[in-house]
Amino acid sequence: MKSEYGDRDTLGTQILKTQEEHAKGDSVLAMDLAHEGGKSYMRELIDTIENHRDSVDEYYIQVFCTRERLFADRPVILFRFCARKTPPPMHCEQDLWYINNKLDKLELLWSLPQEDMLDAVLNDPDTDDQLAKWIKIYRAP
C-alpha cells in the first residue's frame, strides 16, 4: 500500500515486507531497520519544514515517538511531527528541532530516549557526549 506522499510505502507495508523476508529465512539486522526508519524520519522532518517555509521564519519542530498497536502481536513505533512557535520543556522519547528559514538553519536542540533507558545510556562508556549532556540537563532540578 502506498502512502499519500507519493510512491513511498506506508509504515505498515514496510513492516509487512520485513516480516515476510524474515519468515523466508532472511535475517533482518536491527541496524538496517534503524537506517530505513531514519530515512523516513528525515523525509518527514523535511516535509514539515517545507510546509512551514512560507508561513513563519523561526519555529520549532517537536517530534514525538509513540508506540501504536497497528498489529495485534507487536507495537509499531511511529513519529509525530508538530511545529511550534515556542520550545516545550524537555521530555523523554522526544526530539526538538530549531528552524530559522531566514538563516536557512536547522539545529537539533535535544533528543532523549525513553525514561527507563536513561541510566543505561549514561553508564555506557560509548555513549555520545552530546546525548549524555542532554540527559544530565533533563535530570537537573
C-alpha atoms as a PDB file:
ATOM      1  CA  MET A   1       0.000   0.000   0.000  1.00  0.00           C
ATOM      2  CA  LYS A   2       1.406   3.394  -0.989  1.00  0.00           C
ATOM      3  CA  SER A   3       1.116   6.463   1.194  1.00  0.00           C
ATOM      4  CA  GLU A   4      -0.482   9.781   0.381  1.00  0.00           C
ATOM      5  CA  TYR A   5       3.033  11.192  -0.104  1.00  0.00           C
ATOM      6  CA  GLY A   6       3.501   9.582  -3.488  1.00  0.00           C
ATOM      7  CA  ASP A   7       5.443   6.454  -4.259  1.00  0.00           C
ATOM      8  CA  ARG A   8       6.645   5.695  -0.703  1.00  0.00           C
ATOM      9  CA  ASP A   9       5.418   2.610   1.097  1.00  0.00           C
ATOM     10  CA  THR A  10       3.406   3.158   4.243  1.00  0.00           C
ATOM     11  CA  LEU A  11       4.951   2.095   7.540  1.00  0.00           C
ATOM     12  CA  GLY A  12       2.593  -0.889   7.705  1.00  0.00           C
ATOM     13  CA  THR A  13       3.695  -2.068   4.257  1.00  0.00           C
ATOM     14  CA  GLN A  14       7.351  -1.730   5.234  1.00  0.00           C
ATOM     15  CA  ILE A  15       6.716  -3.816   8.346  1.00  0.00           C
ATOM     16  CA  LEU A  16       4.839  -6.497   6.416  1.00  0.00           C
ATOM     17  CA  LYS A  17       7.668  -6.717   3.848  1.00  0.00           C
ATOM     18  CA  THR A  18      10.191  -7.077   6.676  1.00  0.00           C
ATOM     19  CA  GLN A  19       8.103  -9.797   8.334  1.00  0.00           C
ATOM     20  CA  GLU A  20       7.787 -11.670   5.017  1.00  0.00           C
ATOM     21  CA  GLU A  21      11.560 -11.513   4.446  1.00  0.00           C
ATOM     22  CA  HIS A  22      12.168 -12.748   7.977  1.00  0.00           C
ATOM     23  CA  ALA A  23       9.696 -15.598   7.505  1.00  0.00           C
ATOM     24  CA  LYS A  24      11.596 -16.701   4.360  1.00  0.00           C
ATOM     25  CA  GLY A  25      14.687 -17.231   6.491  1.00  0.00           C
ATOM     26  CA  ASP A  26      16.416 -13.983   5.582  1.00  0.00           C
ATOM     27  CA  SER A  27      17.724 -12.269   8.670  1.00  0.00           C
ATOM     28  CA  VAL A  28      16.965  -8.615   9.207  1.00  0.00           C
ATOM     29  CA  LEU A  29      19.527  -6.615  11.099  1.00  0.00           C
ATOM     30  CA  ALA A  30      18.342  -4.055  13.628  1.00  0.00           C
ATOM     31  CA  MET A  31      20.768  -1.577  12.038  1.00  0.00           C
ATOM     32  CA  ASP A  32      19.008  -1.998   8.673  1.00  0.00           C
ATOM     33  CA  LEU A  33      15.641  -1.278  10.291  1.00  0.00           C
ATOM     34  CA  ALA A  34      17.072   1.761  12.095  1.00  0.00           C
ATOM     35  CA  HIS A  35      18.565   3.039   8.832  1.00  0.00           C
ATOM     36  CA  GLU A  36      15.254   2.723   6.995  1.00  0.00           C
ATOM     37  CA  GLY A  37      13.401   4.355   9.891  1.00  0.00           C
ATOM     38  CA  GLY A  38      15.949   7.178   9.878  1.00  0.00           C
ATOM     39  CA  LYS A  39      15.332   7.858   6.194  1.00  0.00           C
ATOM     40  CA  SER A  40      11.591   8.072   6.840  1.00  0.00           C
ATOM     41  CA  TYR A  41      12.167  10.323   9.873  1.00  0.00           C
ATOM     42  CA  MET A  42      14.317  12.762   7.909  1.00  0.00           C
ATOM     43  CA  ARG A  43      11.875  12.764   4.974  1.00  0.00           C
ATOM     44  CA  GLU A  44       9.005  13.687   7.329  1.00  0.00           C
ATOM     45  CA  LEU A  45      11.138  16.349   9.022  1.00  0.00           C
ATOM     46  CA  ILE A  46      11.968  17.916   5.652  1.00  0.00           C
ATOM     47  CA  ASP A  47       8.289  17.759   4.604  1.00  0.00           C
ATOM     48  CA  THR A  48       7.296  19.547   7.834  1.00  0.00           C
ATOM     49  CA  ILE A  49       9.911  22.242   7.229  1.00  0.00           C
ATOM     50  CA  GLU A  50       8.780  22.716   3.630  1.00  0.00           C
ATOM     51  CA  ASN A  51       5.135  23.008   4.734  1.00  0.00           C
ATOM     52  CA  HIS A  52       6.061  25.915   7.047  1.00  0.00           C
ATOM     53  CA  ARG A  53       8.714  27.621   4.912  1.00  0.00           C
ATOM     54  CA  ASP A  54       6.481  30.471   3.703  1.00  0.00           C
ATOM     55  CA  SER A  55       4.339  30.922   6.805  1.00  0.00           C
ATOM     56  CA  VAL A  56       6.885  31.602   9.557  1.00  0.00           C
ATOM     57  CA  ASP A  57      10.584  32.470   9.772  1.00  0.00           C
ATOM     58  CA  GLU A  58      11.525  30.947  13.111  1.00  0.00           C
ATOM     59  CA  TYR A  59       9.919  27.969  14.884  1.00  0.00           C
ATOM     60  CA  TYR A  60      10.470  24.568  16.494  1.00  0.00           C
ATOM     61  CA  ILE A  61       9.516  21.074  15.449  1.00  0.00           C
ATOM     62  CA  GLN A  62       8.754  18.696  18.285  1.00  0.00           C
ATOM     63  CA  VAL A  63       8.976  15.033  17.337  1.00  0.00           C
ATOM     64  CA  PHE A  64       7.052  12.556  19.488  1.00  0.00           C
ATOM     65  CA  CYS A  65       7.916   8.871  19.478  1.00  0.00           C
ATOM     66  CA  THR A  66       4.805   6.762  20.061  1.00  0.00           C
ATOM     67  CA  ARG A  67       4.066   3.067  20.156  1.00  0.00           C
ATOM     68  CA  GLU A  68       0.820   2.091  18.481  1.00  0.00           C
ATOM     69  CA  ARG A  69      -0.831  -1.292  18.194  1.00  0.00           C
ATOM     70  CA  LEU A  70      -1.352  -1.462  14.452  1.00  0.00           C
ATOM     71  CA  PHE A  71      -0.764  -5.193  14.549  1.00  0.00           C
ATOM     72  CA  ALA A  72      -2.130  -7.489  17.259  1.00  0.00           C
ATOM     73  CA  ASP A  73       1.176  -9.210  18.027  1.00  0.00           C
ATOM     74  CA  ARG A  74       3.503  -6.199  18.431  1.00  0.00           C
ATOM     75  CA  PRO A  75       3.559  -2.433  18.753  1.00  0.00           C
ATOM     76  CA  VAL A  76       4.799  -0.224  15.931  1.00  0.00           C
ATOM     77  CA  ILE A  77       6.948   2.823  16.606  1.00  0.00           C
ATOM     78  CA  LEU A  78       5.664   5.985  14.928  1.00  0.00           C
ATOM     79  CA  PHE A  79       6.959   9.536  14.877  1.00  0.00           C
ATOM     80  CA  ARG A  80       4.624  12.548  15.079  1.00  0.00           C
ATOM     81  CA  PHE A  81       5.910  15.939  13.925  1.00  0.00           C
ATOM     82  CA  CYS A  82       4.442  19.112  15.452  1.00  0.00           C
ATOM     83  CA  ALA A  83       5.500  22.656  14.506  1.00  0.00           C
ATOM     84  CA  ARG A  84       5.528  25.089  17.449  1.00  0.00           C
ATOM     85  CA  LYS A  85       6.193  28.785  17.992  1.00  0.00           C
ATOM     86  CA  THR A  86       7.833  28.214  21.384  1.00  0.00           C
ATOM     87  CA  PRO A  87      10.086  25.441  22.676  1.00  0.00           C
ATOM     88  CA  PRO A  88       8.467  22.887  25.000  1.00  0.00           C
ATOM     89  CA  PRO A  89      10.174  21.551  28.131  1.00  0.00           C
ATOM     90  CA  MET A  90      12.453  18.543  27.636  1.00  0.00           C
ATOM     91  CA  HIS A  91      10.662  15.217  27.689  1.00  0.00           C
ATOM     92  CA  CYS A  92      11.704  11.605  27.135  1.00  0.00           C
ATOM     93  CA  GLU A  93      11.063   9.973  23.772  1.00  0.00           C
ATOM     94  CA  GLN A  94      11.005  13.346  22.051  1.00  0.00           C
ATOM     95  CA  ASP A  95      13.293  15.402  19.843  1.00  0.00           C
ATOM     96  CA  LEU A  96      13.253  19.159  19.408  1.00  0.00           C
ATOM     97  CA  TRP A  97      14.488  20.893  16.268  1.00  0.00           C
ATOM     98  CA  TYR A  98      15.015  24.636  15.833  1.00  0.00           C
ATOM     99  CA  ILE A  99      14.365  26.052  12.364  1.00  0.00           C
ATOM    100  CA  ASN A 100      15.194  29.543  11.122  1.00  0.00           C
ATOM    101  CA  ASN A 101      14.109  29.938   7.499  1.00  0.00           C
ATOM    102  CA  LYS A 102      15.767  33.369   7.084  1.00  0.00           C
ATOM    103  CA  LEU A 103      19.167  31.964   8.056  1.00  0.00           C
ATOM    104  CA  ASP A 104      18.461  28.575   6.447  1.00  0.00           C
ATOM    105  CA  LYS A 105      19.316  26.997   9.805  1.00  0.00           C
ATOM    106  CA  LEU A 106      18.282  23.598  11.169  1.00  0.00           C
ATOM    107  CA  GLU A 107      19.548  22.552  14.604  1.00  0.00           C
ATOM    108  CA  LEU A 108      18.759  19.598  16.842  1.00  0.00           C
ATOM    109  CA  LEU A 109      18.318  21.112  20.309  1.00  0.00           C
ATOM    110  CA  TRP A 110      17.776  17.833  22.151  1.00  0.00           C
ATOM    111  CA  SER A 111      16.816  14.200  21.751  1.00  0.00           C
ATOM    112  CA  LEU A 112      16.039  11.913  24.664  1.00  0.00           C
ATOM    113  CA  PRO A 113      15.483   8.145  24.832  1.00  0.00           C
ATOM    114  CA  GLN A 114      12.729   6.523  26.863  1.00  0.00           C
ATOM    115  CA  GLU A 115      12.821   7.133  30.621  1.00  0.00           C
ATOM    116  CA  ASP A 116      13.846   3.599  31.607  1.00  0.00           C
ATOM    117  CA  MET A 117      16.904   3.777  29.317  1.00  0.00           C
ATOM    118  CA  LEU A 118      18.457   6.942  30.761  1.00  0.00           C
ATOM    119  CA  ASP A 119      20.675   5.215  33.359  1.00  0.00           C
ATOM    120  CA  ALA A 120      21.862   2.583  30.893  1.00  0.00           C
ATOM    121  CA  VAL A 121      22.743   5.257  28.340  1.00  0.00           C
ATOM    122  CA  LEU A 122      24.649   7.334  30.908  1.00  0.00           C
ATOM    123  CA  ASN A 123      26.541   4.270  32.173  1.00  0.00           C
ATOM    124  CA  ASP A 124      27.546   3.135  28.682  1.00  0.00           C
ATOM    125  CA  PRO A 125      31.158   4.240  28.005  1.00  0.00           C
ATOM    126  CA  ASP A 126      30.380   4.537  24.276  1.00  0.00           C
ATOM    127  CA  THR A 127      27.524   6.999  24.780  1.00  0.00           C
ATOM    128  CA  ASP A 128      27.763  10.126  22.670  1.00  0.00           C
ATOM    129  CA  ASP A 129      28.867  13.126  24.777  1.00  0.00           C
ATOM    130  CA  GLN A 130      26.021  15.314  23.496  1.00  0.00           C
ATOM    131  CA  LEU A 131      23.388  12.713  24.405  1.00  0.00           C
ATOM    132  CA  ALA A 132      24.863  12.380  27.903  1.00  0.00           C
ATOM    133  CA  LYS A 133      24.773  16.183  28.249  1.00  0.00           C
ATOM    134  CA  TRP A 134      21.072  16.303  27.239  1.00  0.00           C
ATOM    135  CA  ILE A 135      20.189  13.583  29.783  1.00  0.00           C
ATOM    136  CA  LYS A 136      22.057  15.451  32.551  1.00  0.00           C
ATOM    137  CA  ILE A 137      20.225  18.683  31.677  1.00  0.00           C
ATOM    138  CA  TYR A 138      16.896  16.820  31.683  1.00  0.00           C
ATOM    139  CA  ARG A 139      17.596  15.338  35.116  1.00  0.00           C
ATOM    140  CA  ALA A 140      18.861  18.573  36.666  1.00  0.00           C
ATOM    141  CA  PRO A 141      16.500  20.001  39.312  1.00  0.00           C
END
